[in-house]
N, C-alpha and C. Protein backbone atom coordinates (compact mmCIF):
# COMPACT_ATOMS: atom_id res chain seq x y z
N MET A 1 -32.60 5.23 21.53
CA MET A 1 -31.97 5.31 20.23
C MET A 1 -31.97 3.95 19.57
N ASN A 2 -31.94 4.00 18.27
CA ASN A 2 -31.92 2.78 17.50
C ASN A 2 -30.49 2.23 17.45
N THR A 3 -30.34 0.92 17.64
CA THR A 3 -29.00 0.33 17.66
C THR A 3 -28.32 0.39 16.30
N LYS A 4 -29.09 0.48 15.21
CA LYS A 4 -28.48 0.60 13.88
C LYS A 4 -27.66 1.88 13.78
N TYR A 5 -28.16 2.97 14.33
CA TYR A 5 -27.45 4.24 14.28
C TYR A 5 -26.18 4.20 15.13
N ILE A 6 -26.25 3.53 16.27
CA ILE A 6 -25.09 3.42 17.14
C ILE A 6 -24.00 2.59 16.46
N ILE A 7 -24.38 1.46 15.89
CA ILE A 7 -23.41 0.60 15.20
C ILE A 7 -22.85 1.32 13.98
N GLY A 8 -23.69 1.98 13.22
CA GLY A 8 -23.23 2.74 12.05
C GLY A 8 -22.27 3.85 12.44
N GLY A 9 -22.56 4.53 13.51
CA GLY A 9 -21.67 5.59 13.99
C GLY A 9 -20.32 5.04 14.43
N CYS A 10 -20.33 3.87 15.06
CA CYS A 10 -19.07 3.25 15.49
C CYS A 10 -18.24 2.83 14.28
N VAL A 11 -18.89 2.30 13.25
CA VAL A 11 -18.18 1.90 12.03
C VAL A 11 -17.57 3.11 11.35
N VAL A 12 -18.31 4.19 11.24
CA VAL A 12 -17.80 5.41 10.62
C VAL A 12 -16.63 5.97 11.43
N ALA A 13 -16.75 5.97 12.74
CA ALA A 13 -15.66 6.47 13.59
C ALA A 13 -14.41 5.61 13.44
N ALA A 14 -14.58 4.29 13.38
CA ALA A 14 -13.43 3.40 13.21
C ALA A 14 -12.74 3.64 11.87
N LEU A 15 -13.51 3.84 10.81
CA LEU A 15 -12.92 4.11 9.50
C LEU A 15 -12.17 5.43 9.49
N LEU A 16 -12.72 6.44 10.13
CA LEU A 16 -12.04 7.73 10.19
C LEU A 16 -10.75 7.67 11.01
N LEU A 17 -10.72 6.85 12.04
CA LEU A 17 -9.51 6.71 12.84
C LEU A 17 -8.43 5.92 12.13
N MET A 18 -8.82 5.00 11.26
CA MET A 18 -7.85 4.17 10.53
C MET A 18 -7.29 4.86 9.29
N THR A 19 -7.95 5.88 8.79
CA THR A 19 -7.56 6.54 7.54
C THR A 19 -6.11 7.03 7.52
N PRO A 20 -5.58 7.64 8.57
CA PRO A 20 -4.19 8.12 8.49
C PRO A 20 -3.16 7.00 8.34
N PHE A 21 -3.50 5.77 8.69
CA PHE A 21 -2.55 4.68 8.64
C PHE A 21 -2.59 3.91 7.32
N ILE A 22 -3.58 4.18 6.49
CA ILE A 22 -3.72 3.46 5.23
C ILE A 22 -2.97 4.22 4.14
N GLY A 23 -2.04 3.54 3.50
CA GLY A 23 -1.29 4.15 2.41
C GLY A 23 -1.76 3.60 1.08
N CYS A 24 -1.64 4.41 0.07
CA CYS A 24 -2.05 4.01 -1.26
C CYS A 24 -1.06 4.60 -2.25
N THR A 25 -0.60 3.80 -3.17
CA THR A 25 0.30 4.28 -4.21
C THR A 25 -0.04 3.56 -5.51
N ARG A 26 0.46 4.10 -6.59
CA ARG A 26 0.18 3.51 -7.90
C ARG A 26 1.51 3.16 -8.56
N ILE A 27 1.62 1.94 -9.03
CA ILE A 27 2.79 1.50 -9.77
C ILE A 27 2.49 1.70 -11.26
N GLU A 28 3.25 2.57 -11.89
CA GLU A 28 3.02 2.94 -13.29
C GLU A 28 3.47 1.82 -14.24
N PRO A 29 2.95 1.82 -15.47
CA PRO A 29 3.44 0.86 -16.47
C PRO A 29 4.93 1.09 -16.74
N GLY A 30 5.69 0.02 -16.89
CA GLY A 30 7.12 0.11 -17.07
C GLY A 30 7.90 0.09 -15.78
N TYR A 31 7.19 0.05 -14.66
CA TYR A 31 7.81 0.00 -13.35
C TYR A 31 7.33 -1.25 -12.62
N THR A 32 8.07 -1.67 -11.63
CA THR A 32 7.64 -2.74 -10.75
C THR A 32 7.87 -2.28 -9.32
N GLY A 33 7.20 -2.89 -8.40
CA GLY A 33 7.30 -2.47 -7.01
C GLY A 33 7.67 -3.61 -6.10
N ILE A 34 8.22 -3.25 -4.96
CA ILE A 34 8.55 -4.21 -3.92
C ILE A 34 7.93 -3.70 -2.62
N LYS A 35 7.21 -4.58 -1.95
CA LYS A 35 6.62 -4.25 -0.65
C LYS A 35 7.57 -4.76 0.43
N VAL A 36 7.98 -3.89 1.33
CA VAL A 36 8.93 -4.23 2.38
C VAL A 36 8.21 -4.18 3.72
N ASN A 37 8.19 -5.30 4.43
CA ASN A 37 7.60 -5.37 5.76
C ASN A 37 8.66 -4.94 6.78
N LEU A 38 8.31 -3.98 7.64
CA LEU A 38 9.26 -3.42 8.59
C LEU A 38 9.22 -4.07 9.96
N THR A 39 8.17 -4.81 10.26
CA THR A 39 8.02 -5.40 11.59
C THR A 39 7.61 -6.85 11.48
N GLY A 40 7.68 -7.55 12.59
CA GLY A 40 7.21 -8.92 12.67
C GLY A 40 8.26 -9.94 12.26
N SER A 41 7.87 -11.19 12.28
CA SER A 41 8.80 -12.27 11.94
C SER A 41 9.02 -12.38 10.43
N GLN A 42 8.17 -11.76 9.63
CA GLN A 42 8.30 -11.80 8.17
C GLN A 42 8.92 -10.50 7.64
N ARG A 43 9.86 -9.91 8.40
CA ARG A 43 10.50 -8.66 7.98
C ARG A 43 11.26 -8.86 6.68
N GLY A 44 11.33 -7.80 5.91
CA GLY A 44 12.07 -7.82 4.66
C GLY A 44 11.14 -7.71 3.47
N ALA A 45 11.71 -7.87 2.29
CA ALA A 45 10.95 -7.75 1.05
C ALA A 45 10.06 -8.97 0.84
N ASP A 46 8.88 -8.74 0.27
CA ASP A 46 7.99 -9.84 -0.08
C ASP A 46 8.59 -10.65 -1.22
N ASP A 47 8.19 -11.90 -1.32
CA ASP A 47 8.71 -12.78 -2.36
C ASP A 47 8.24 -12.39 -3.75
N LEU A 48 7.00 -11.93 -3.85
CA LEU A 48 6.44 -11.59 -5.16
C LEU A 48 6.49 -10.09 -5.39
N PRO A 49 6.96 -9.66 -6.57
CA PRO A 49 6.95 -8.22 -6.85
C PRO A 49 5.54 -7.72 -7.12
N ILE A 50 5.34 -6.43 -6.95
CA ILE A 50 4.05 -5.80 -7.21
C ILE A 50 4.05 -5.35 -8.66
N VAL A 51 3.02 -5.73 -9.39
CA VAL A 51 2.91 -5.34 -10.79
C VAL A 51 2.12 -4.05 -10.90
N THR A 52 1.91 -3.60 -12.11
CA THR A 52 1.25 -2.34 -12.39
C THR A 52 -0.13 -2.27 -11.73
N GLY A 53 -0.43 -1.13 -11.12
CA GLY A 53 -1.75 -0.91 -10.53
C GLY A 53 -1.67 -0.25 -9.17
N TRP A 54 -2.82 -0.18 -8.52
CA TRP A 54 -2.92 0.44 -7.20
C TRP A 54 -2.48 -0.54 -6.12
N VAL A 55 -1.81 -0.02 -5.10
CA VAL A 55 -1.34 -0.82 -3.97
C VAL A 55 -1.79 -0.13 -2.69
N PHE A 56 -2.47 -0.87 -1.83
CA PHE A 56 -2.88 -0.37 -0.52
C PHE A 56 -2.03 -1.08 0.53
N TYR A 57 -1.56 -0.32 1.52
CA TYR A 57 -0.69 -0.89 2.54
C TYR A 57 -0.81 -0.09 3.83
N ASN A 58 -0.29 -0.66 4.91
CA ASN A 58 -0.28 -0.01 6.21
C ASN A 58 0.99 0.82 6.31
N ARG A 59 0.87 2.13 6.47
CA ARG A 59 2.02 3.02 6.50
C ARG A 59 2.96 2.78 7.67
N LEU A 60 2.45 2.28 8.78
CA LEU A 60 3.28 2.09 9.96
C LEU A 60 4.19 0.88 9.84
N THR A 61 3.76 -0.17 9.16
CA THR A 61 4.52 -1.42 9.15
C THR A 61 5.05 -1.81 7.77
N THR A 62 4.73 -1.04 6.72
CA THR A 62 5.10 -1.44 5.37
C THR A 62 5.53 -0.24 4.56
N GLN A 63 6.49 -0.48 3.66
CA GLN A 63 6.89 0.52 2.68
C GLN A 63 6.79 -0.09 1.29
N VAL A 64 6.52 0.74 0.29
CA VAL A 64 6.47 0.28 -1.10
C VAL A 64 7.49 1.10 -1.89
N HIS A 65 8.37 0.40 -2.58
CA HIS A 65 9.39 1.04 -3.41
C HIS A 65 9.14 0.63 -4.86
N SER A 66 9.21 1.58 -5.77
CA SER A 66 9.06 1.25 -7.19
C SER A 66 10.34 1.62 -7.93
N PHE A 67 10.64 0.85 -8.98
CA PHE A 67 11.82 1.12 -9.78
C PHE A 67 11.52 0.73 -11.22
N PRO A 68 12.22 1.36 -12.19
CA PRO A 68 11.93 1.11 -13.60
C PRO A 68 12.43 -0.26 -14.05
N THR A 69 11.70 -0.84 -15.00
CA THR A 69 12.12 -2.12 -15.59
C THR A 69 12.39 -1.97 -17.07
N PHE A 70 12.47 -0.75 -17.56
CA PHE A 70 12.70 -0.52 -18.98
C PHE A 70 14.11 0.02 -19.19
N THR A 71 14.57 -0.07 -20.42
CA THR A 71 15.86 0.51 -20.78
C THR A 71 15.65 1.52 -21.89
N GLN A 72 16.52 2.50 -21.94
CA GLN A 72 16.48 3.50 -22.99
C GLN A 72 17.81 3.48 -23.74
N ASN A 73 17.74 3.41 -25.05
CA ASN A 73 18.93 3.40 -25.87
C ASN A 73 19.12 4.80 -26.48
N VAL A 74 20.33 5.30 -26.39
CA VAL A 74 20.65 6.60 -26.96
C VAL A 74 21.72 6.40 -28.02
N ILE A 75 21.48 6.93 -29.22
CA ILE A 75 22.44 6.84 -30.30
C ILE A 75 23.29 8.12 -30.30
N TRP A 76 24.60 7.94 -30.18
CA TRP A 76 25.51 9.09 -30.15
C TRP A 76 26.18 9.27 -31.48
């Protein structure tokens, strides 16, 4: 067998095994996000907030929370 096929098959298998652990979320306009590390010596919220866009993270060790940064005024 050709070693290119063996290496390619191993890469594809590794990607398929990692897929359940990769999380992806989208932070909408008007919202901001905070990435929280659950393990390790750097536990807790990251120093920099996540701005609008796609966020990729490890589901086992990280959580992403989003909250609104806008206000709504109601006239009574």
